[in-house]
């Protein structure tokens, strides 16, 4: 029998060596892979279908995951998330994910690829819930779990809000309806009043954290972050953080009004 064809998968900012083989994705492994596979298998065991399922390691030493068929919204298909009911679906999916993660007990020897410390250690979270890591198809699936690790619900939500609203200073992405979209997301997730009060300032803190992470890694010459910094990613995160900070009152009113 002839081996199945490998089709390279492109478009990401970080990962390399991704290929599709039939209905699977093959990816390079890291020291964190066993922990991530345990997490993904847990999600499937409790009925959550918004993540890939791990299928082990192939003969070339690559991890094997189920392939998610569909479109990635960012940047060319963001119109898929323009309707408020679609945005609400993201908020509900994130809540379902966090509820499923809340029952996960990591293996005692779990090692996580932690790129930056979160606000607190509440549960294992994705750390990169964004429109570049969501596949919209028959199922909606969050991909790219390499940076999963300890964090909090609000740390994940704040990052998701940045991408899915989006909260951007860039003229092409800045939204006059950012406040109402934030409210829709928060309502769909089911944030309580205390969480809404905490989220308003965290939106800025989380965005600055991305800028500072890129700055610090670039100063050490660590790739691919040094290249990202050199090509303007740091400037973009700084502008978004300043924009988000200027409008903190607007976000508070949207969340609590």
C-alpha atoms as a PDB file:
ATOM      1  CA  UNK A   1       0.000   0.000   0.000  1.00  0.00           C
ATOM      2  CA  UNK A   2       1.323   3.427  -0.957  1.00  0.00           C
ATOM      3  CA  UNK A   3       1.863   5.880   1.925  1.00  0.00           C
ATOM      4  CA  UNK A   4      -0.773   8.603   2.197  1.00  0.00           C
ATOM      5  CA  UNK A   5       0.140  11.959   0.690  1.00  0.00           C
ATOM      6  CA  UNK A   6       1.455  14.636   3.027  1.00  0.00           C
ATOM      7  CA  UNK A   7       0.127  18.141   2.392  1.00  0.00           C
ATOM      8  CA  UNK A   8       1.977  21.009   4.133  1.00  0.00           C
ATOM      9  CA  UNK A   9      -0.230  23.267   6.275  1.00  0.00           C
ATOM     10  CA  UNK A  10       0.830  26.921   6.229  1.00  0.00           C
ATOM     11  CA  UNK A  11      -0.389  30.232   7.580  1.00  0.00           C
ATOM     12  CA  UNK A  12       0.747  30.190  11.201  1.00  0.00           C
ATOM     13  CA  UNK A  13       3.203  32.626  12.773  1.00  0.00           C
ATOM     14  CA  UNK A  14       5.121  30.101  14.852  1.00  0.00           C
ATOM     15  CA  UNK A  15       4.642  26.445  14.033  1.00  0.00           C
ATOM     16  CA  UNK A  16       6.587  24.767  11.254  1.00  0.00           C
ATOM     17  CA  UNK A  17       6.551  21.241   9.919  1.00  0.00           C
ATOM     18  CA  UNK A  18       2.768  20.820  10.010  1.00  0.00           C
ATOM     19  CA  UNK A  19       1.304  18.466   7.420  1.00  0.00           C
ATOM     20  CA  UNK A  20      -2.066  16.929   6.720  1.00  0.00           C
ATOM     21  CA  UNK A  21      -2.201  13.190   6.129  1.00  0.00           C
ATOM     22  CA  UNK A  22      -5.712  12.033   5.302  1.00  0.00           C
ATOM     23  CA  UNK A  23      -7.974  13.061   8.169  1.00  0.00           C
ATOM     24  CA  UNK A  24      -5.064  13.733  10.509  1.00  0.00           C
ATOM     25  CA  UNK A  25      -2.526  16.459  11.243  1.00  0.00           C
ATOM     26  CA  UNK A  26       1.098  15.560  11.960  1.00  0.00           C
ATOM     27  CA  UNK A  27       3.125  18.018  14.046  1.00  0.00           C
ATOM     28  CA  UNK A  28       6.583  18.123  15.646  1.00  0.00           C
ATOM     29  CA  UNK A  29       6.553  17.077  19.296  1.00  0.00           C
ATOM     30  CA  UNK A  30       7.954  18.914  22.312  1.00  0.00           C
ATOM     31  CA  UNK A  31       8.579  18.103  25.945  1.00  0.00           C
ATOM     32  CA  UNK A  32       5.038  19.380  26.584  1.00  0.00           C
ATOM     33  CA  UNK A  33       3.334  16.995  24.131  1.00  0.00           C
ATOM     34  CA  UNK A  34       2.460  14.208  26.622  1.00  0.00           C
ATOM     35  CA  UNK A  35       0.749  16.717  28.936  1.00  0.00           C
ATOM     36  CA  UNK A  36      -1.131  18.337  26.048  1.00  0.00           C
ATOM     37  CA  UNK A  37      -2.291  14.935  24.798  1.00  0.00           C
ATOM     38  CA  UNK A  38      -3.551  14.063  28.281  1.00  0.00           C
ATOM     39  CA  UNK A  39      -5.460  17.355  28.333  1.00  0.00           C
ATOM     40  CA  UNK A  40      -6.981  16.852  24.879  1.00  0.00           C
ATOM     41  CA  UNK A  41      -7.969  13.286  25.672  1.00  0.00           C
ATOM     42  CA  UNK A  42      -9.682  14.547  28.828  1.00  0.00           C
ATOM     43  CA  UNK A  43     -11.669  17.083  26.814  1.00  0.00           C
ATOM     44  CA  UNK A  44     -12.921  14.332  24.538  1.00  0.00           C
ATOM     45  CA  UNK A  45     -13.682  12.056  27.478  1.00  0.00           C
ATOM     46  CA  UNK A  46     -16.042  14.659  28.983  1.00  0.00           C
ATOM     47  CA  UNK A  47     -17.795  15.323  25.675  1.00  0.00           C
ATOM     48  CA  UNK A  48     -16.098  18.536  24.532  1.00  0.00           C
ATOM     49  CA  UNK A  49     -15.635  18.444  20.763  1.00  0.00           C
ATOM     50  CA  UNK A  50     -14.139  21.893  20.197  1.00  0.00           C
ATOM     51  CA  UNK A  51     -10.540  20.619  20.206  1.00  0.00           C
ATOM     52  CA  UNK A  52      -8.543  18.079  18.186  1.00  0.00           C
ATOM     53  CA  UNK A  53      -8.320  14.524  19.480  1.00  0.00           C
ATOM     54  CA  UNK A  54      -4.824  13.105  20.004  1.00  0.00           C
ATOM     55  CA  UNK A  55      -4.058   9.882  18.147  1.00  0.00           C
ATOM     56  CA  UNK A  56      -0.556   9.191  19.401  1.00  0.00           C
ATOM     57  CA  UNK A  57       2.855   9.477  17.725  1.00  0.00           C
ATOM     58  CA  UNK A  58       3.601   8.358  14.163  1.00  0.00           C
ATOM     59  CA  UNK A  59       6.561   6.408  12.790  1.00  0.00           C
ATOM     60  CA  UNK A  60       8.440   9.686  12.166  1.00  0.00           C
ATOM     61  CA  UNK A  61       8.086  10.787  15.775  1.00  0.00           C
ATOM     62  CA  UNK A  62       5.398  13.375  15.076  1.00  0.00           C
ATOM     63  CA  UNK A  63       2.249  13.830  17.106  1.00  0.00           C
ATOM     64  CA  UNK A  64      -0.957  12.800  15.337  1.00  0.00           C
ATOM     65  CA  UNK A  65      -4.177  14.780  15.820  1.00  0.00           C
ATOM     66  CA  UNK A  66      -7.566  14.711  14.144  1.00  0.00           C
ATOM     67  CA  UNK A  67      -7.867  17.217  11.291  1.00  0.00           C
ATOM     68  CA  UNK A  68     -10.506  19.938  11.609  1.00  0.00           C
ATOM     69  CA  UNK A  69     -12.133  20.821   8.284  1.00  0.00           C
ATOM     70  CA  UNK A  70     -13.194  24.437   7.797  1.00  0.00           C
ATOM     71  CA  UNK A  71     -12.043  28.060   7.603  1.00  0.00           C
ATOM     72  CA  UNK A  72      -9.751  29.962   9.956  1.00  0.00           C
ATOM     73  CA  UNK A  73     -11.338  33.439  10.318  1.00  0.00           C
ATOM     74  CA  UNK A  74      -8.158  35.509  10.658  1.00  0.00           C
ATOM     75  CA  UNK A  75      -7.464  37.506   8.632  1.00  0.00           C
ATOM     76  CA  UNK A  76      -9.324  36.783   5.395  1.00  0.00           C
ATOM     77  CA  UNK A  77     -12.578  35.323   6.719  1.00  0.00           C
ATOM     78  CA  UNK A  78     -13.348  37.504   9.723  1.00  0.00           C
ATOM     79  CA  UNK A  79     -16.763  38.196   8.212  1.00  0.00           C
ATOM     80  CA  UNK A  80     -17.677  34.758   9.577  1.00  0.00           C
ATOM     81  CA  UNK A  81     -17.535  36.325  13.048  1.00  0.00           C
ATOM     82  CA  UNK A  82     -19.220  39.660  12.233  1.00  0.00           C
ATOM     83  CA  UNK A  83     -22.776  38.495  13.079  1.00  0.00           C
ATOM     84  CA  UNK A  84     -23.429  38.799  16.787  1.00  0.00           C
ATOM     85  CA  UNK A  85     -24.853  35.295  16.982  1.00  0.00           C
ATOM     86  CA  UNK A  86     -21.571  33.935  15.627  1.00  0.00           C
ATOM     87  CA  UNK A  87     -19.601  35.953  18.171  1.00  0.00           C
ATOM     88  CA  UNK A  88     -21.904  34.668  20.904  1.00  0.00           C
ATOM     89  CA  UNK A  89     -21.165  31.141  19.745  1.00  0.00           C
ATOM     90  CA  UNK A  90     -17.466  31.783  20.368  1.00  0.00           C
ATOM     91  CA  UNK A  91     -18.243  33.023  23.868  1.00  0.00           C
ATOM     92  CA  UNK A  92     -20.274  29.914  24.623  1.00  0.00           C
ATOM     93  CA  UNK A  93     -17.558  27.667  23.178  1.00  0.00           C
ATOM     94  CA  UNK A  94     -14.921  29.272  25.400  1.00  0.00           C
ATOM     95  CA  UNK A  95     -17.156  28.777  28.445  1.00  0.00           C
ATOM     96  CA  UNK A  96     -17.758  25.123  27.546  1.00  0.00           C
ATOM     97  CA  UNK A  97     -14.016  24.683  27.113  1.00  0.00           C
ATOM     98  CA  UNK A  98     -13.189  26.203  30.496  1.00  0.00           C
ATOM     99  CA  UNK A  99     -15.867  24.151  32.224  1.00  0.00           C
ATOM    100  CA  UNK A 100     -14.395  21.001  30.683  1.00  0.00           C
ATOM    101  CA  UNK A 101     -10.862  22.051  31.646  1.00  0.00           C
ATOM    102  CA  UNK A 102     -11.948  22.684  35.237  1.00  0.00           C
ATOM    103  CA  UNK A 103     -12.286  18.914  35.767  1.00  0.00           C
ATOM    104  CA  UNK A 104      -8.865  18.080  34.306  1.00  0.00           C
ATOM    105  CA  UNK A 105      -6.272  16.720  36.724  1.00  0.00           C
ATOM    106  CA  UNK A 106      -2.865  17.018  35.031  1.00  0.00           C
ATOM    107  CA  UNK A 107      -0.474  14.087  35.253  1.00  0.00           C
ATOM    108  CA  UNK A 108       1.961  14.420  38.166  1.00  0.00           C
ATOM    109  CA  UNK A 109       4.860  14.645  35.703  1.00  0.00           C
ATOM    110  CA  UNK A 110       3.117  17.145  33.374  1.00  0.00           C
ATOM    111  CA  UNK A 111       5.401  19.708  31.758  1.00  0.00           C
ATOM    112  CA  UNK A 112       3.897  22.752  30.059  1.00  0.00           C
ATOM    113  CA  UNK A 113       5.358  25.085  27.454  1.00  0.00           C
ATOM    114  CA  UNK A 114       4.720  28.242  29.502  1.00  0.00           C
ATOM    115  CA  UNK A 115       5.718  31.314  27.512  1.00  0.00           C
ATOM    116  CA  UNK A 116       4.573  33.891  30.041  1.00  0.00           C
ATOM    117  CA  UNK A 117       3.166  33.695  33.569  1.00  0.00           C
ATOM    118  CA  UNK A 118      -0.586  34.242  33.865  1.00  0.00           C
ATOM    119  CA  UNK A 119      -2.355  36.280  36.516  1.00  0.00           C
ATOM    120  CA  UNK A 120      -2.938  33.198  38.694  1.00  0.00           C
ATOM    121  CA  UNK A 121      -2.996  29.402  38.592  1.00  0.00           C
ATOM    122  CA  UNK A 122      -6.687  28.471  38.497  1.00  0.00           C
ATOM    123  CA  UNK A 123      -6.783  25.743  35.850  1.00  0.00           C
ATOM    124  CA  UNK A 124      -4.969  24.683  32.688  1.00  0.00           C
ATOM    125  CA  UNK A 125      -5.952  27.056  29.861  1.00  0.00           C
ATOM    126  CA  UNK A 126      -5.212  27.418  26.153  1.00  0.00           C
ATOM    127  CA  UNK A 127      -3.381  30.807  26.357  1.00  0.00           C
ATOM    128  CA  UNK A 128      -3.989  31.640  22.664  1.00  0.00           C
ATOM    129  CA  UNK A 129      -7.750  31.584  22.057  1.00  0.00           C
ATOM    130  CA  UNK A 130      -7.981  33.786  18.994  1.00  0.00           C
ATOM    131  CA  UNK A 131      -9.466  33.881  15.482  1.00  0.00           C
ATOM    132  CA  UNK A 132      -6.174  32.554  14.088  1.00  0.00           C
ATOM    133  CA  UNK A 133      -6.599  29.415  16.192  1.00  0.00           C
ATOM    134  CA  UNK A 134     -10.273  28.700  15.522  1.00  0.00           C
ATOM    135  CA  UNK A 135     -11.484  26.488  12.680  1.00  0.00           C
ATOM    136  CA  UNK A 136     -15.102  27.118  11.661  1.00  0.00           C
ATOM    137  CA  UNK A 137     -16.740  24.157   9.964  1.00  0.00           C
ATOM    138  CA  UNK A 138     -19.293  21.526  10.866  1.00  0.00           C
ATOM    139  CA  UNK A 139     -17.622  21.704  14.272  1.00  0.00           C
ATOM    140  CA  UNK A 140     -15.911  24.779  15.691  1.00  0.00           C
ATOM    141  CA  UNK A 141     -12.479  23.713  16.887  1.00  0.00           C
ATOM    142  CA  UNK A 142      -9.713  25.515  18.756  1.00  0.00           C
ATOM    143  CA  UNK A 143      -6.322  24.366  17.472  1.00  0.00           C
ATOM    144  CA  UNK A 144      -2.649  24.908  18.411  1.00  0.00           C
ATOM    145  CA  UNK A 145      -2.481  23.723  22.011  1.00  0.00           C
ATOM    146  CA  UNK A 146       1.319  23.808  22.357  1.00  0.00           C
ATOM    147  CA  UNK A 147       1.233  26.709  24.820  1.00  0.00           C
ATOM    148  CA  UNK A 148      -1.445  25.312  27.115  1.00  0.00           C
ATOM    149  CA  UNK A 149      -0.571  25.694  30.778  1.00  0.00           C
ATOM    150  CA  UNK A 150      -1.615  27.115  34.145  1.00  0.00           C
ATOM    151  CA  UNK A 151      -3.698  30.274  34.130  1.00  0.00           C
ATOM    152  CA  UNK A 152      -7.180  31.579  34.800  1.00  0.00           C
ATOM    153  CA  UNK A 153     -10.477  31.822  33.012  1.00  0.00           C
ATOM    154  CA  UNK A 154     -10.254  35.619  32.807  1.00  0.00           C
ATOM    155  CA  UNK A 155      -6.678  35.525  31.477  1.00  0.00           C
ATOM    156  CA  UNK A 156      -7.936  33.381  28.587  1.00  0.00           C
ATOM    157  CA  UNK A 157     -11.105  35.457  28.144  1.00  0.00           C
ATOM    158  CA  UNK A 158      -9.196  38.753  28.036  1.00  0.00           C
ATOM    159  CA  UNK A 159      -6.962  37.439  25.267  1.00  0.00           C
ATOM    160  CA  UNK A 160      -9.933  35.994  23.375  1.00  0.00           C
ATOM    161  CA  UNK A 161     -11.779  39.311  23.578  1.00  0.00           C
ATOM    162  CA  UNK A 162      -8.782  41.106  22.060  1.00  0.00           C
ATOM    163  CA  UNK A 163      -8.919  38.918  18.968  1.00  0.00           C
ATOM    164  CA  UNK A 164     -12.597  38.166  18.529  1.00  0.00           C
ATOM    165  CA  UNK A 165     -14.057  41.664  19.055  1.00  0.00           C
ATOM    166  CA  UNK A 166     -11.374  42.681  17.937  1.00  0.00           C
ATOM    167  CA  UNK A 167      -9.927  45.343  20.268  1.00  0.00           C
ATOM    168  CA  UNK A 168      -7.477  46.814  17.819  1.00  0.00           C
ATOM    169  CA  UNK A 169      -6.003  50.249  17.257  1.00  0.00           C
ATOM    170  CA  UNK A 170      -5.391  49.403  13.591  1.00  0.00           C
ATOM    171  CA  UNK A 171      -7.732  51.449  11.358  1.00  0.00           C
ATOM    172  CA  UNK A 172      -8.726  48.379   9.340  1.00  0.00           C
ATOM    173  CA  UNK A 173      -9.754  46.416  12.432  1.00  0.00           C
ATOM    174  CA  UNK A 174     -10.915  49.056  14.914  1.00  0.00           C
ATOM    175  CA  UNK A 175     -14.629  48.614  15.629  1.00  0.00           C
ATOM    176  CA  UNK A 176     -17.141  51.323  16.473  1.00  0.00           C
ATOM    177  CA  UNK A 177     -19.263  48.513  17.929  1.00  0.00           C
ATOM    178  CA  UNK A 178     -16.461  47.088  20.090  1.00  0.00           C
ATOM    179  CA  UNK A 179     -18.390  47.852  23.283  1.00  0.00           C
ATOM    180  CA  UNK A 180     -21.591  46.047  22.253  1.00  0.00           C
ATOM    181  CA  UNK A 181     -19.559  43.122  20.909  1.00  0.00           C
ATOM    182  CA  UNK A 182     -17.732  42.872  24.236  1.00  0.00           C
ATOM    183  CA  UNK A 183     -21.092  42.737  26.021  1.00  0.00           C
ATOM    184  CA  UNK A 184     -22.334  39.994  23.693  1.00  0.00           C
ATOM    185  CA  UNK A 185     -19.208  37.921  24.351  1.00  0.00           C
ATOM    186  CA  UNK A 186     -19.406  38.418  28.116  1.00  0.00           C
ATOM    187  CA  UNK A 187     -23.105  37.532  28.199  1.00  0.00           C
ATOM    188  CA  UNK A 188     -22.581  34.432  26.047  1.00  0.00           C
ATOM    189  CA  UNK A 189     -19.733  33.259  28.281  1.00  0.00           C
ATOM    190  CA  UNK A 190     -21.829  33.941  31.369  1.00  0.00           C
ATOM    191  CA  UNK A 191     -19.465  36.214  33.305  1.00  0.00           C
ATOM    192  CA  UNK A 192     -20.805  37.174  36.706  1.00  0.00           C
ATOM    193  CA  UNK A 193     -20.615  40.734  38.068  1.00  0.00           C
ATOM    194  CA  UNK A 194     -17.313  40.238  39.891  1.00  0.00           C
ATOM    195  CA  UNK A 195     -15.702  38.709  36.811  1.00  0.00           C
ATOM    196  CA  UNK A 196     -16.902  41.637  34.702  1.00  0.00           C
ATOM    197  CA  UNK A 197     -15.344  44.107  37.144  1.00  0.00           C
ATOM    198  CA  UNK A 198     -12.051  42.225  37.042  1.00  0.00           C
ATOM    199  CA  UNK A 199     -12.084  41.829  33.264  1.00  0.00           C
ATOM    200  CA  UNK A 200     -12.234  45.561  32.452  1.00  0.00           C
ATOM    201  CA  UNK A 201      -8.665  46.357  33.659  1.00  0.00           C
ATOM    202  CA  UNK A 202      -7.372  42.914  32.712  1.00  0.00           C
ATOM    203  CA  UNK A 203      -8.095  43.621  29.038  1.00  0.00           C
ATOM    204  CA  UNK A 204      -5.277  46.163  29.138  1.00  0.00           C
ATOM    205  CA  UNK A 205      -2.960  44.103  31.337  1.00  0.00           C
ATOM    206  CA  UNK A 206      -3.269  41.060  29.076  1.00  0.00           C
ATOM    207  CA  UNK A 207      -2.510  43.062  25.949  1.00  0.00           C
ATOM    208  CA  UNK A 208       0.529  44.741  27.530  1.00  0.00           C
ATOM    209  CA  UNK A 209       1.720  41.294  28.613  1.00  0.00           C
ATOM    210  CA  UNK A 210       1.961  40.234  24.971  1.00  0.00           C
ATOM    211  CA  UNK A 211       3.954  43.360  24.083  1.00  0.00           C
ATOM    212  CA  UNK A 212       6.344  42.855  27.004  1.00  0.00           C
ATOM    213  CA  UNK A 213       6.784  39.169  26.201  1.00  0.00           C
ATOM    214  CA  UNK A 214       7.816  39.959  22.616  1.00  0.00           C
ATOM    215  CA  UNK A 215      10.117  42.779  23.771  1.00  0.00           C
ATOM    216  CA  UNK A 216      11.891  40.598  26.320  1.00  0.00           C
ATOM    217  CA  UNK A 217      12.298  37.570  24.026  1.00  0.00           C
ATOM    218  CA  UNK A 218      13.542  39.797  21.191  1.00  0.00           C
ATOM    219  CA  UNK A 219      16.140  41.344  23.495  1.00  0.00           C
ATOM    220  CA  UNK A 220      17.449  37.832  24.131  1.00  0.00           C
ATOM    221  CA  UNK A 221      17.443  37.028  20.413  1.00  0.00           C
ATOM    222  CA  UNK A 222      14.940  34.179  20.843  1.00  0.00           C
ATOM    223  CA  UNK A 223      13.194  33.126  17.625  1.00  0.00           C
ATOM    224  CA  UNK A 224      10.617  33.419  16.236  1.00  0.00           C
ATOM    225  CA  UNK A 225       9.875  36.254  18.660  1.00  0.00           C
ATOM    226  CA  UNK A 226      12.888  38.342  17.623  1.00  0.00           C
ATOM    227  CA  UNK A 227      11.681  38.299  14.028  1.00  0.00           C
ATOM    228  CA  UNK A 228       8.129  39.136  15.107  1.00  0.00           C
ATOM    229  CA  UNK A 229       9.447  42.110  17.073  1.00  0.00           C
ATOM    230  CA  UNK A 230      11.599  43.273  14.173  1.00  0.00           C
ATOM    231  CA  UNK A 231       8.672  43.049  11.716  1.00  0.00           C
ATOM    232  CA  UNK A 232       6.333  45.184  13.814  1.00  0.00           C
ATOM    233  CA  UNK A 233       4.376  42.794  16.027  1.00  0.00           C
ATOM    234  CA  UNK A 234       5.561  44.623  19.128  1.00  0.00           C
ATOM    235  CA  UNK A 235       4.383  47.960  17.750  1.00  0.00           C
ATOM    236  CA  UNK A 236       0.982  46.455  16.994  1.00  0.00           C
ATOM    237  CA  UNK A 237       0.562  45.054  20.507  1.00  0.00           C
ATOM    238  CA  UNK A 238       1.708  48.330  22.069  1.00  0.00           C
ATOM    239  CA  UNK A 239      -0.800  50.303  19.989  1.00  0.00           C
ATOM    240  CA  UNK A 240      -3.570  47.867  20.900  1.00  0.00           C
ATOM    241  CA  UNK A 241      -2.645  48.066  24.594  1.00  0.00           C
ATOM    242  CA  UNK A 242      -2.685  51.879  24.542  1.00  0.00           C
ATOM    243  CA  UNK A 243      -6.010  51.870  22.703  1.00  0.00           C
ATOM    244  CA  UNK A 244      -7.521  49.382  25.137  1.00  0.00           C
ATOM    245  CA  UNK A 245      -6.242  51.371  28.118  1.00  0.00           C
ATOM    246  CA  UNK A 246      -7.644  54.671  26.814  1.00  0.00           C
ATOM    247  CA  UNK A 247     -11.076  53.092  26.550  1.00  0.00           C
ATOM    248  CA  UNK A 248     -11.183  51.278  29.900  1.00  0.00           C
ATOM    249  CA  UNK A 249     -14.272  53.270  30.935  1.00  0.00           C
ATOM    250  CA  UNK A 250     -16.000  52.253  27.720  1.00  0.00           C
ATOM    251  CA  UNK A 251     -15.313  48.583  28.382  1.00  0.00           C
ATOM    252  CA  UNK A 252     -16.502  48.903  31.992  1.00  0.00           C
ATOM    253  CA  UNK A 253     -19.761  50.487  30.871  1.00  0.00           C
ATOM    254  CA  UNK A 254     -20.270  47.778  28.242  1.00  0.00           C
ATOM    255  CA  UNK A 255     -19.656  45.018  30.773  1.00  0.00           C
ATOM    256  CA  UNK A 256     -21.629  46.462  33.692  1.00  0.00           C
ATOM    257  CA  UNK A 257     -24.104  48.904  32.180  1.00  0.00           C
END
